[in-house]
């Protein structure tokens, strides 16, 4: 009888553990099927508009970065360009300068940076150089990617003069 009770107890433990594993697996599947947070936020026009308004009217970098990151994840570069330009030019945001560079350098239908027209390339490099001058860390990585490892980027004013030619 003792053996029977022990075997019965073991069977119940195994059933309990296997049922809880299935619940965990079902939860993982549900989490995977959910809409990503950045898509939810980008679809909430009222929220994104209010955050962008805070950013461009008050120079609120936290509000800008919150929305900008979601736009970049969603590859909505065109929607971000206007706000990035304002944050970069009006508030000297290092990250916004970098975003303008990213947007301009990704506007070439999948072609490489070297295949950009001269004006767009110089404008993109202007914003990359400004981002670097404002000590944005990702700018250093992109300088190595675009100009070659160990390259030194010129001052932003140089690229602005080249753009103006």
Foldseek 3Di string as FASTA:
>chain_A
DVVVVVVVVVVVVVVVVVVVVVVVVVVVVVVVPDDDPLVVQVVPCVQLVVLLCCCLVPVPVVSLVVNVVSCVVVVVLVVNQVSLVSSCPVVVDLVSLLSNLVSLQPPPPPDHSVPDPLLSSLSSLLSLLSSVVVPDVVSLVVCCVRVNPPDDRDHSVVSVVSNVD
